[in-house]
Amino acid sequence: MTEKRKEFDVVADILRVAALGSKESEIMVGCDLNREVLEKYMPAMVVLKLVSVEKESENFYRTTNRGLEFLRFYHGLRWLLWGKDFDFLLINILTRLKKNSNPYYVR
């Protein structure tokens, strides 16, 4: 990592890269992470059901609906507070990716 990033920023980057499904190596390159940092975050993200994992020759991760909901909240809050980085456009794109009509916290 070239600069110190906050934990939520790292989680959001991983979820963004894994939105359509990615191998571990693709996530490391896309997020500019080393294996040690990835191994720190991925178990927690799997337990929190932000990503799902498929075992193949290399682990394959895909952002879940809950992970997409996290990204919507994350980028919505960034846009609300700072109003930059085209986060509003990303929120619209994430809304189209949503697979469920209800978020995970609505039963």
PDB file of N, CA and C in Angstrom:
ATOM      1  N   MET A   1       0.848  -1.165   0.000  1.00  0.00           N
ATOM      2  CA  MET A   1       0.000   0.000   0.000  1.00  0.00           C
ATOM      3  C   MET A   1       0.899   1.234   0.000  1.00  0.00           C
ATOM      4  N   THR A   2       0.611   2.140  -0.890  1.00  0.00           N
ATOM      5  CA  THR A   2       1.461   3.305  -1.027  1.00  0.00           C
ATOM      6  C   THR A   2       1.160   4.371   0.011  1.00  0.00           C
ATOM      7  N   GLU A   3      -0.027   4.427   0.510  1.00  0.00           N
ATOM      8  CA  GLU A   3      -0.380   5.408   1.523  1.00  0.00           C
ATOM      9  C   GLU A   3      -1.247   4.738   2.575  1.00  0.00           C
ATOM     10  N   LYS A   4      -1.288   5.333   3.730  1.00  0.00           N
ATOM     11  CA  LYS A   4      -2.088   4.793   4.832  1.00  0.00           C
ATOM     12  C   LYS A   4      -3.566   5.029   4.531  1.00  0.00           C
ATOM     13  N   ARG A   5      -4.324   3.947   4.463  1.00  0.00           N
ATOM     14  CA  ARG A   5      -5.760   4.056   4.215  1.00  0.00           C
ATOM     15  C   ARG A   5      -6.508   3.625   5.462  1.00  0.00           C
ATOM     16  N   LYS A   6      -7.684   4.155   5.629  1.00  0.00           N
ATOM     17  CA  LYS A   6      -8.547   3.771   6.734  1.00  0.00           C
ATOM     18  C   LYS A   6      -9.125   2.377   6.452  1.00  0.00           C
ATOM     19  N   GLU A   7      -9.518   1.685   7.526  1.00  0.00           N
ATOM     20  CA  GLU A   7     -10.031   0.324   7.379  1.00  0.00           C
ATOM     21  C   GLU A   7     -11.269   0.261   6.492  1.00  0.00           C
ATOM     22  N   PHE A   8     -12.191   1.211   6.655  1.00  0.00           N
ATOM     23  CA  PHE A   8     -13.399   1.207   5.833  1.00  0.00           C
ATOM     24  C   PHE A   8     -13.065   1.419   4.362  1.00  0.00           C
ATOM     25  N   ASP A   9     -12.031   2.214   4.082  1.00  0.00           N
ATOM     26  CA  ASP A   9     -11.618   2.432   2.697  1.00  0.00           C
ATOM     27  C   ASP A   9     -11.083   1.146   2.078  1.00  0.00           C
ATOM     28  N   VAL A  10     -10.318   0.390   2.845  1.00  0.00           N
ATOM     29  CA  VAL A  10      -9.775  -0.886   2.350  1.00  0.00           C
ATOM     30  C   VAL A  10     -10.912  -1.867   2.101  1.00  0.00           C
ATOM     31  N   VAL A  11     -11.854  -1.967   3.037  1.00  0.00           N
ATOM     32  CA  VAL A  11     -13.002  -2.866   2.874  1.00  0.00           C
ATOM     33  C   VAL A  11     -13.796  -2.467   1.635  1.00  0.00           C
ATOM     34  N   ALA A  12     -14.049  -1.181   1.458  1.00  0.00           N
ATOM     35  CA  ALA A  12     -14.806  -0.712   0.289  1.00  0.00           C
ATOM     36  C   ALA A  12     -14.059  -1.029  -1.006  1.00  0.00           C
ATOM     37  N   ASP A  13     -12.748  -0.864  -1.015  1.00  0.00           N
ATOM     38  CA  ASP A  13     -11.966  -1.197  -2.211  1.00  0.00           C
ATOM     39  C   ASP A  13     -12.083  -2.677  -2.547  1.00  0.00           C
ATOM     40  N   ILE A  14     -11.973  -3.529  -1.537  1.00  0.00           N
ATOM     41  CA  ILE A  14     -12.079  -4.977  -1.765  1.00  0.00           C
ATOM     42  C   ILE A  14     -13.457  -5.321  -2.303  1.00  0.00           C
ATOM     43  N   LEU A  15     -14.509  -4.761  -1.703  1.00  0.00           N
ATOM     44  CA  LEU A  15     -15.875  -5.036  -2.164  1.00  0.00           C
ATOM     45  C   LEU A  15     -16.090  -4.543  -3.585  1.00  0.00           C
ATOM     46  N   ARG A  16     -15.518  -3.404  -3.914  1.00  0.00           N
ATOM     47  CA  ARG A  16     -15.653  -2.851  -5.267  1.00  0.00           C
ATOM     48  C   ARG A  16     -15.005  -3.778  -6.295  1.00  0.00           C
ATOM     49  N   VAL A  17     -13.796  -4.246  -6.004  1.00  0.00           N
ATOM     50  CA  VAL A  17     -13.085  -5.116  -6.943  1.00  0.00           C
ATOM     51  C   VAL A  17     -13.792  -6.468  -7.072  1.00  0.00           C
ATOM     52  N   ALA A  18     -14.359  -6.954  -5.980  1.00  0.00           N
ATOM     53  CA  ALA A  18     -15.005  -8.275  -5.985  1.00  0.00           C
ATOM     54  C   ALA A  18     -16.478  -8.216  -6.383  1.00  0.00           C
ATOM     55  N   ALA A  19     -16.974  -7.065  -6.808  1.00  0.00           N
ATOM     56  CA  ALA A  19     -18.403  -6.914  -7.110  1.00  0.00           C
ATOM     57  C   ALA A  19     -18.889  -7.907  -8.163  1.00  0.00           C
ATOM     58  N   LEU A  20     -18.102  -8.158  -9.172  1.00  0.00           N
ATOM     59  CA  LEU A  20     -18.499  -9.106 -10.214  1.00  0.00           C
ATOM     60  C   LEU A  20     -17.786 -10.438 -10.079  1.00  0.00           C
ATOM     61  N   GLY A  21     -16.993 -10.588  -9.019  1.00  0.00           N
ATOM     62  CA  GLY A  21     -16.244 -11.805  -8.760  1.00  0.00           C
ATOM     63  C   GLY A  21     -14.786 -11.642  -9.156  1.00  0.00           C
ATOM     64  N   SER A  22     -13.887 -11.984  -8.234  1.00  0.00           N
ATOM     65  CA  SER A  22     -12.451 -11.830  -8.481  1.00  0.00           C
ATOM     66  C   SER A  22     -11.660 -12.876  -7.719  1.00  0.00           C
ATOM     67  N   LYS A  23     -10.511 -13.231  -8.291  1.00  0.00           N
ATOM     68  CA  LYS A  23      -9.561 -14.091  -7.601  1.00  0.00           C
ATOM     69  C   LYS A  23      -8.786 -13.259  -6.586  1.00  0.00           C
ATOM     70  N   GLU A  24      -8.130 -13.950  -5.641  1.00  0.00           N
ATOM     71  CA  GLU A  24      -7.320 -13.248  -4.640  1.00  0.00           C
ATOM     72  C   GLU A  24      -6.285 -12.350  -5.297  1.00  0.00           C
ATOM     73  N   SER A  25      -5.621 -12.869  -6.310  1.00  0.00           N
ATOM     74  CA  SER A  25      -4.563 -12.087  -6.974  1.00  0.00           C
ATOM     75  C   SER A  25      -5.129 -10.835  -7.630  1.00  0.00           C
ATOM     76  N   GLU A  26      -6.322 -10.926  -8.212  1.00  0.00           N
ATOM     77  CA  GLU A  26      -6.951  -9.761  -8.834  1.00  0.00           C
ATOM     78  C   GLU A  26      -7.314  -8.711  -7.783  1.00  0.00           C
ATOM     79  N   ILE A  27      -7.756  -9.164  -6.622  1.00  0.00           N
ATOM     80  CA  ILE A  27      -8.095  -8.236  -5.537  1.00  0.00           C
ATOM     81  C   ILE A  27      -6.840  -7.535  -5.039  1.00  0.00           C
ATOM     82  N   MET A  28      -5.752  -8.302  -4.866  1.00  0.00           N
ATOM     83  CA  MET A  28      -4.509  -7.699  -4.389  1.00  0.00           C
ATOM     84  C   MET A  28      -4.006  -6.631  -5.359  1.00  0.00           C
ATOM     85  N   VAL A  29      -4.054  -6.916  -6.644  1.00  0.00           N
ATOM     86  CA  VAL A  29      -3.589  -5.947  -7.643  1.00  0.00           C
ATOM     87  C   VAL A  29      -4.552  -4.754  -7.723  1.00  0.00           C
ATOM     88  N   GLY A  30      -5.855  -5.025  -7.776  1.00  0.00           N
ATOM     89  CA  GLY A  30      -6.851  -3.960  -7.918  1.00  0.00           C
ATOM     90  C   GLY A  30      -6.932  -3.025  -6.732  1.00  0.00           C
ATOM     91  N   CYS A  31      -6.587  -3.535  -5.542  1.00  0.00           N
ATOM     92  CA  CYS A  31      -6.655  -2.726  -4.324  1.00  0.00           C
ATOM     93  C   CYS A  31      -5.282  -2.285  -3.837  1.00  0.00           C
ATOM     94  N   ASP A  32      -4.240  -2.686  -4.521  1.00  0.00           N
ATOM     95  CA  ASP A  32      -2.863  -2.377  -4.132  1.00  0.00           C
ATOM     96  C   ASP A  32      -2.592  -2.866  -2.704  1.00  0.00           C
ATOM     97  N   LEU A  33      -2.890  -4.166  -2.475  1.00  0.00           N
ATOM     98  CA  LEU A  33      -2.689  -4.792  -1.166  1.00  0.00           C
ATOM     99  C   LEU A  33      -1.654  -5.900  -1.276  1.00  0.00           C
ATOM    100  N   ASN A  34      -1.005  -6.206  -0.170  1.00  0.00           N
ATOM    101  CA  ASN A  34      -0.151  -7.390  -0.150  1.00  0.00           C
ATOM    102  C   ASN A  34      -0.950  -8.538   0.478  1.00  0.00           C
ATOM    103  N   ARG A  35      -0.410  -9.733   0.405  1.00  0.00           N
ATOM    104  CA  ARG A  35      -1.138 -10.913   0.901  1.00  0.00           C
ATOM    105  C   ARG A  35      -1.437 -10.814   2.392  1.00  0.00           C
ATOM    106  N   GLU A  36      -0.513 -10.272   3.165  1.00  0.00           N
ATOM    107  CA  GLU A  36      -0.694 -10.157   4.614  1.00  0.00           C
ATOM    108  C   GLU A  36      -1.918  -9.307   4.949  1.00  0.00           C
ATOM    109  N   VAL A  37      -2.081  -8.191   4.272  1.00  0.00           N
ATOM    110  CA  VAL A  37      -3.221  -7.308   4.529  1.00  0.00           C
ATOM    111  C   VAL A  37      -4.516  -7.977   4.062  1.00  0.00           C
ATOM    112  N   LEU A  38      -4.471  -8.618   2.901  1.00  0.00           N
ATOM    113  CA  LEU A  38      -5.663  -9.315   2.402  1.00  0.00           C
ATOM    114  C   LEU A  38      -6.100 -10.403   3.373  1.00  0.00           C
ATOM    115  N   GLU A  39      -5.148 -11.166   3.900  1.00  0.00           N
ATOM    116  CA  GLU A  39      -5.475 -12.229   4.846  1.00  0.00           C
ATOM    117  C   GLU A  39      -5.970 -11.683   6.178  1.00  0.00           C
ATOM    118  N   LYS A  40      -5.698 -10.439   6.455  1.00  0.00           N
ATOM    119  CA  LYS A  40      -6.225  -9.789   7.659  1.00  0.00           C
ATOM    120  C   LYS A  40      -7.708  -9.452   7.489  1.00  0.00           C
ATOM    121  N   TYR A  41      -8.092  -8.991   6.314  1.00  0.00           N
ATOM    122  CA  TYR A  41      -9.453  -8.511   6.083  1.00  0.00           C
ATOM    123  C   TYR A  41     -10.434  -9.583   5.626  1.00  0.00           C
ATOM    124  N   MET A  42     -10.005 -10.499   4.755  1.00  0.00           N
ATOM    125  CA  MET A  42     -10.954 -11.425   4.134  1.00  0.00           C
ATOM    126  C   MET A  42     -11.702 -12.323   5.110  1.00  0.00           C
ATOM    127  N   PRO A  43     -11.060 -12.904   6.127  1.00  0.00           N
ATOM    128  CA  PRO A  43     -11.844 -13.745   7.046  1.00  0.00           C
ATOM    129  C   PRO A  43     -12.984 -12.973   7.733  1.00  0.00           C
ATOM    130  N   ALA A  44     -12.705 -11.744   8.137  1.00  0.00           N
ATOM    131  CA  ALA A  44     -13.744 -10.941   8.785  1.00  0.00           C
ATOM    132  C   ALA A  44     -14.859 -10.602   7.799  1.00  0.00           C
ATOM    133  N   MET A  45     -14.493 -10.315   6.560  1.00  0.00           N
ATOM    134  CA  MET A  45     -15.507  -9.975   5.561  1.00  0.00           C
ATOM    135  C   MET A  45     -16.379 -11.178   5.207  1.00  0.00           C
ATOM    136  N   VAL A  46     -15.791 -12.372   5.243  1.00  0.00           N
ATOM    137  CA  VAL A  46     -16.568 -13.591   4.989  1.00  0.00           C
ATOM    138  C   VAL A  46     -17.509 -13.850   6.158  1.00  0.00           C
ATOM    139  N   VAL A  47     -17.017 -13.715   7.385  1.00  0.00           N
ATOM    140  CA  VAL A  47     -17.860 -13.926   8.576  1.00  0.00           C
ATOM    141  C   VAL A  47     -19.012 -12.925   8.611  1.00  0.00           C
ATOM    142  N   LEU A  48     -18.735 -11.677   8.225  1.00  0.00           N
ATOM    143  CA  LEU A  48     -19.776 -10.646   8.199  1.00  0.00           C
ATOM    144  C   LEU A  48     -20.686 -10.761   6.979  1.00  0.00           C
ATOM    145  N   LYS A  49     -20.412 -11.741   6.124  1.00  0.00           N
ATOM    146  CA  LYS A  49     -21.187 -12.020   4.915  1.00  0.00           C
ATOM    147  C   LYS A  49     -21.205 -10.841   3.947  1.00  0.00           C
ATOM    148  N   LEU A  50     -20.079 -10.142   3.868  1.00  0.00           N
ATOM    149  CA  LEU A  50     -19.923  -9.081   2.879  1.00  0.00           C
ATOM    150  C   LEU A  50     -19.439  -9.650   1.551  1.00  0.00           C
ATOM    151  N   VAL A  51     -18.728 -10.783   1.624  1.00  0.00           N
ATOM    152  CA  VAL A  51     -18.279 -11.491   0.425  1.00  0.00           C
ATOM    153  C   VAL A  51     -18.547 -12.976   0.591  1.00  0.00           C
ATOM    154  N   SER A  52     -18.733 -13.645  -0.532  1.00  0.00           N
ATOM    155  CA  SER A  52     -18.832 -15.106  -0.517  1.00  0.00           C
ATOM    156  C   SER A  52     -17.561 -15.630  -1.169  1.00  0.00           C
ATOM    157  N   VAL A  53     -17.184 -16.844  -0.812  1.00  0.00           N
ATOM    158  CA  VAL A  53     -15.937 -17.419  -1.331  1.00  0.00           C
ATOM    159  C   VAL A  53     -16.235 -18.778  -1.945  1.00  0.00           C
ATOM    160  N   GLU A  54     -15.620 -19.018  -3.091  1.00  0.00           N
ATOM    161  CA  GLU A  54     -15.691 -20.309  -3.761  1.00  0.00           C
ATOM    162  C   GLU A  54     -14.277 -20.844  -3.844  1.00  0.00           C
ATOM    163  N   LYS A  55     -14.093 -22.087  -3.462  1.00  0.00           N
ATOM    164  CA  LYS A  55     -12.761 -22.708  -3.491  1.00  0.00           C
ATOM    165  C   LYS A  55     -12.526 -23.315  -4.868  1.00  0.00           C
ATOM    166  N   GLU A  56     -11.518 -22.831  -5.524  1.00  0.00           N
ATOM    167  CA  GLU A  56     -11.072 -23.395  -6.795  1.00  0.00           C
ATOM    168  C   GLU A  56      -9.564 -23.549  -6.683  1.00  0.00           C
ATOM    169  N   SER A  57      -8.843 -23.439  -7.776  1.00  0.00           N
ATOM    170  CA  SER A  57      -7.384 -23.478  -7.688  1.00  0.00           C
ATOM    171  C   SER A  57      -6.888 -22.291  -6.862  1.00  0.00           C
ATOM    172  N   GLU A  58      -7.588 -21.182  -6.966  1.00  0.00           N
ATOM    173  CA  GLU A  58      -7.331 -19.995  -6.149  1.00  0.00           C
ATOM    174  C   GLU A  58      -8.695 -19.527  -5.644  1.00  0.00           C
ATOM    175  N   ASN A  59      -8.766 -19.046  -4.409  1.00  0.00           N
ATOM    176  CA  ASN A  59     -10.053 -18.590  -3.879  1.00  0.00           C
ATOM    177  C   ASN A  59     -10.656 -17.530  -4.792  1.00  0.00           C
ATOM    178  N   PHE A  60     -11.964 -17.646  -5.006  1.00  0.00           N
ATOM    179  CA  PHE A  60     -12.710 -16.723  -5.851  1.00  0.00           C
ATOM    180  C   PHE A  60     -13.734 -16.037  -4.967  1.00  0.00           C
ATOM    181  N   TYR A  61     -13.674 -14.712  -4.886  1.00  0.00           N
ATOM    182  CA  TYR A  61     -14.547 -13.942  -4.006  1.00  0.00           C
ATOM    183  C   TYR A  61     -15.549 -13.150  -4.817  1.00  0.00           C
ATOM    184  N   ARG A  62     -16.768 -13.049  -4.278  1.00  0.00           N
ATOM    185  CA  ARG A  62     -17.829 -12.252  -4.906  1.00  0.00           C
ATOM    186  C   ARG A  62     -18.533 -11.449  -3.814  1.00  0.00           C
ATOM    187  N   THR A  63     -18.749 -10.174  -4.080  1.00  0.00           N
ATOM    188  CA  THR A  63     -19.462  -9.310  -3.137  1.00  0.00           C
ATOM    189  C   THR A  63     -20.908  -9.760  -3.054  1.00  0.00           C
ATOM    190  N   THR A  64     -21.419  -9.909  -1.841  1.00  0.00           N
ATOM    191  CA  THR A  64     -22.800 -10.327  -1.618  1.00  0.00           C
ATOM    192  C   THR A  64     -23.722  -9.105  -1.653  1.00  0.00           C
ATOM    193  N   ASN A  65     -25.029  -9.359  -1.558  1.00  0.00           N
ATOM    194  CA  ASN A  65     -25.985  -8.254  -1.474  1.00  0.00           C
ATOM    195  C   ASN A  65     -25.691  -7.375  -0.262  1.00  0.00           C
ATOM    196  N   ARG A  66     -25.329  -8.006   0.816  1.00  0.00           N
ATOM    197  CA  ARG A  66     -24.986  -7.255   2.023  1.00  0.00           C
ATOM    198  C   ARG A  66     -23.746  -6.379   1.782  1.00  0.00           C
ATOM    199  N   GLY A  67     -22.774  -6.898   1.048  1.00  0.00           N
ATOM    200  CA  GLY A  67     -21.594  -6.118   0.693  1.00  0.00           C
ATOM    201  C   GLY A  67     -21.929  -4.953  -0.219  1.00  0.00           C
ATOM    202  N   LEU A  68     -22.838  -5.177  -1.174  1.00  0.00           N
ATOM    203  CA  LEU A  68     -23.286  -4.084  -2.043  1.00  0.00           C
ATOM    204  C   LEU A  68     -24.005  -3.009  -1.232  1.00  0.00           C
ATOM    205  N   GLU A  69     -24.774  -3.439  -0.266  1.00  0.00           N
ATOM    206  CA  GLU A  69     -25.470  -2.479   0.614  1.00  0.00           C
ATOM    207  C   GLU A  69     -24.446  -1.667   1.407  1.00  0.00           C
ATOM    208  N   PHE A  70     -23.383  -2.316   1.899  1.00  0.00           N
ATOM    209  CA  PHE A  70     -22.299  -1.605   2.590  1.00  0.00           C
ATOM    210  C   PHE A  70     -21.693  -0.544   1.670  1.00  0.00           C
ATOM    211  N   LEU A  71     -21.430  -0.913   0.410  1.00  0.00           N
ATOM    212  CA  LEU A  71     -20.855   0.041  -0.535  1.00  0.00           C
ATOM    213  C   LEU A  71     -21.781   1.217  -0.785  1.00  0.00           C
ATOM    214  N   ARG A  72     -23.088   0.960  -0.886  1.00  0.00           N
ATOM    215  CA  ARG A  72     -24.040   2.057  -1.084  1.00  0.00           C
ATOM    216  C   ARG A  72     -23.996   3.028   0.089  1.00  0.00           C
ATOM    217  N   PHE A  73     -24.004   2.494   1.311  1.00  0.00           N
ATOM    218  CA  PHE A  73     -23.939   3.358   2.494  1.00  0.00           C
ATOM    219  C   PHE A  73     -22.605   4.099   2.558  1.00  0.00           C
ATOM    220  N   TYR A  74     -21.525   3.399   2.295  1.00  0.00           N
ATOM    221  CA  TYR A  74     -20.191   3.985   2.357  1.00  0.00           C
ATOM    222  C   TYR A  74     -20.058   5.159   1.385  1.00  0.00           C
ATOM    223  N   HIS A  75     -20.404   4.914   0.130  1.00  0.00           N
ATOM    224  CA  HIS A  75     -20.260   5.968  -0.868  1.00  0.00           C
ATOM    225  C   HIS A  75     -21.314   7.060  -0.695  1.00  0.00           C
ATOM    226  N   GLY A  76     -22.495   6.704  -0.222  1.00  0.00           N
ATOM    227  CA  GLY A  76     -23.508   7.717   0.064  1.00  0.00           C
ATOM    228  C   GLY A  76     -23.055   8.655   1.166  1.00  0.00           C
ATOM    229  N   LEU A  77     -22.446   8.118   2.196  1.00  0.00           N
ATOM    230  CA  LEU A  77     -21.948   8.943   3.291  1.00  0.00           C
ATOM    231  C   LEU A  77     -20.790   9.821   2.827  1.00  0.00           C
ATOM    232  N   ARG A  78     -19.883   9.259   2.031  1.00  0.00           N
ATOM    233  CA  ARG A  78     -18.774  10.063   1.490  1.00  0.00           C
ATOM    234  C   ARG A  78     -19.306  11.219   0.646  1.00  0.00           C
ATOM    235  N   TRP A  79     -20.291  10.927  -0.196  1.00  0.00           N
ATOM    236  CA  TRP A  79     -20.857  11.966  -1.046  1.00  0.00           C
ATOM    237  C   TRP A  79     -21.558  13.029  -0.211  1.00  0.00           C
ATOM    238  N   LEU A  80     -22.300  12.582   0.807  1.00  0.00           N
ATOM    239  CA  LEU A  80     -23.010  13.519   1.668  1.00  0.00           C
ATOM    240  C   LEU A  80     -22.048  14.437   2.418  1.00  0.00           C
ATOM    241  N   LEU A  81     -20.953  13.870   2.929  1.00  0.00           N
ATOM    242  CA  LEU A  81     -20.009  14.654   3.716  1.00  0.00           C
ATOM    243  C   LEU A  81     -19.064  15.495   2.868  1.00  0.00           C
ATOM    244  N   TRP A  82     -18.583  14.924   1.761  1.00  0.00           N
ATOM    245  CA  TRP A  82     -17.551  15.616   0.989  1.00  0.00           C
ATOM    246  C   TRP A  82     -17.998  15.997  -0.410  1.00  0.00           C
ATOM    247  N   GLY A  83     -18.993  15.311  -0.953  1.00  0.00           N
ATOM    248  CA  GLY A  83     -19.537  15.656  -2.259  1.00  0.00           C
ATOM    249  C   GLY A  83     -18.545  15.633  -3.400  1.00  0.00           C
ATOM    250  N   LYS A  84     -17.621  14.697  -3.387  1.00  0.00           N
ATOM    251  CA  LYS A  84     -16.638  14.640  -4.459  1.00  0.00           C
ATOM    252  C   LYS A  84     -16.353  13.194  -4.842  1.00  0.00           C
ATOM    253  N   ASP A  85     -15.438  13.001  -5.743  1.00  0.00           N
ATOM    254  CA  ASP A  85     -14.965  11.685  -6.196  1.00  0.00           C
ATOM    255  C   ASP A  85     -16.016  10.895  -6.962  1.00  0.00           C
ATOM    256  N   PHE A  86     -17.037  11.546  -7.480  1.00  0.00           N
ATOM    257  CA  PHE A  86     -18.067  10.889  -8.280  1.00  0.00           C
ATOM    258  C   PHE A  86     -18.736   9.733  -7.553  1.00  0.00           C
ATOM    259  N   ASP A  87     -18.797   9.800  -6.229  1.00  0.00           N
ATOM    260  CA  ASP A  87     -19.421   8.727  -5.451  1.00  0.00           C
ATOM    261  C   ASP A  87     -20.913   8.610  -5.754  1.00  0.00           C
ATOM    262  N   PHE A  88     -21.573   9.739  -6.075  1.00  0.00           N
ATOM    263  CA  PHE A  88     -22.999   9.677  -6.370  1.00  0.00           C
ATOM    264  C   PHE A  88     -23.257   8.817  -7.603  1.00  0.00           C
ATOM    265  N   LEU A  89     -22.406   8.949  -8.613  1.00  0.00           N
ATOM    266  CA  LEU A  89     -22.526   8.117  -9.812  1.00  0.00           C
ATOM    267  C   LEU A  89     -22.338   6.648  -9.454  1.00  0.00           C
ATOM    268  N   LEU A  90     -21.392   6.356  -8.575  1.00  0.00           N
ATOM    269  CA  LEU A  90     -21.151   4.980  -8.160  1.00  0.00           C
ATOM    270  C   LEU A  90     -22.358   4.420  -7.407  1.00  0.00           C
ATOM    271  N   ILE A  91     -23.028   5.241  -6.594  1.00  0.00           N
ATOM    272  CA  ILE A  91     -24.228   4.789  -5.882  1.00  0.00           C
ATOM    273  C   ILE A  91     -25.289   4.356  -6.884  1.00  0.00           C
ATOM    274  N   ASN A  92     -25.482   5.120  -7.938  1.00  0.00           N
ATOM    275  CA  ASN A  92     -26.462   4.744  -8.962  1.00  0.00           C
ATOM    276  C   ASN A  92     -26.104   3.425  -9.628  1.00  0.00           C
ATOM    277  N   ILE A  93     -24.838   3.223  -9.915  1.00  0.00           N
ATOM    278  CA  ILE A  93     -24.404   1.965 -10.528  1.00  0.00           C
ATOM    279  C   ILE A  93     -24.624   0.802  -9.572  1.00  0.00           C
ATOM    280  N   LEU A  94     -24.282   0.993  -8.284  1.00  0.00           N
ATOM    281  CA  LEU A  94     -24.469  -0.065  -7.292  1.00  0.00           C
ATOM    282  C   LEU A  94     -25.940  -0.403  -7.112  1.00  0.00           C
ATOM    283  N   THR A  95     -26.812   0.583  -7.230  1.00  0.00           N
ATOM    284  CA  THR A  95     -28.241   0.334  -7.110  1.00  0.00           C
ATOM    285  C   THR A  95     -28.707  -0.590  -8.224  1.00  0.00           C
ATOM    286  N   ARG A  96     -28.161  -0.432  -9.413  1.00  0.00           N
ATOM    287  CA  ARG A  96     -28.532  -1.309 -10.517  1.00  0.00           C
ATOM    288  C   ARG A  96     -27.993  -2.723 -10.340  1.00  0.00           C
ATOM    289  N   LEU A  97     -26.877  -2.878  -9.606  1.00  0.00           N
ATOM    290  CA  LEU A  97     -26.310  -4.204  -9.362  1.00  0.00           C
ATOM    291  C   LEU A  97     -27.086  -4.980  -8.307  1.00  0.00           C
ATOM    292  N   LYS A  98     -27.868  -4.286  -7.504  1.00  0.00           N
ATOM    293  CA  LYS A  98     -28.561  -4.927  -6.385  1.00  0.00           C
ATOM    294  C   LYS A  98     -29.448  -6.059  -6.898  1.00  0.00           C
ATOM    295  N   LYS A  99     -29.369  -7.196  -6.237  1.00  0.00           N
ATOM    296  CA  LYS A  99     -30.099  -8.376  -6.668  1.00  0.00           C
ATOM    297  C   LYS A  99     -31.433  -8.526  -5.928  1.00  0.00           C
ATOM    298  N   ASN A 100     -31.512  -8.033  -4.711  1.00  0.00           N
ATOM    299  CA  ASN A 100     -32.699  -8.149  -3.875  1.00  0.00           C
ATOM    300  C   ASN A 100     -33.431  -6.827  -3.812  1.00  0.00           C
ATOM    301  N   SER A 101     -34.749  -6.868  -3.617  1.00  0.00           N
ATOM    302  CA  SER A 101     -35.489  -5.616  -3.485  1.00  0.00           C
ATOM    303  C   SER A 101     -35.396  -5.081  -2.058  1.00  0.00           C
ATOM    304  N   ASN A 102     -35.129  -5.931  -1.073  1.00  0.00           N
ATOM    305  CA  ASN A 102     -35.003  -5.481   0.310  1.00  0.00           C
ATOM    306  C   ASN A 102     -33.563  -5.602   0.784  1.00  0.00           C
ATOM    307  N   PRO A 103     -33.071  -4.583   1.509  1.00  0.00           N
ATOM    308  CA  PRO A 103     -31.732  -4.709   2.075  1.00  0.00           C
ATOM    309  C   PRO A 103     -31.703  -5.794   3.145  1.00  0.00           C
ATOM    310  N   TYR A 104     -30.504  -6.218   3.533  1.00  0.00           N
ATOM    311  CA  TYR A 104     -30.346  -7.332   4.458  1.00  0.00           C
ATOM    312  C   TYR A 104     -30.965  -7.067   5.819  1.00  0.00           C
ATOM    313  N   TYR A 105     -31.113  -5.799   6.226  1.00  0.00           N
ATOM    314  CA  TYR A 105     -31.600  -5.498   7.563  1.00  0.00           C
ATOM    315  C   TYR A 105     -33.121  -5.383   7.617  1.00  0.00           C
ATOM    316  N   VAL A 106     -33.824  -5.521   6.480  1.00  0.00           N
ATOM    317  CA  VAL A 106     -35.283  -5.489   6.448  1.00  0.00           C
ATOM    318  C   VAL A 106     -35.773  -6.908   6.295  1.00  0.00           C
ATOM    319  N   ARG A 107     -36.545  -7.358   7.214  1.00  0.00           N
ATOM    320  CA  ARG A 107     -37.080  -8.727   7.160  1.00  0.00           C
ATOM    321  C   ARG A 107     -38.487  -8.751   6.641  1.00  0.00           C
TER     322      ARG A 107
END
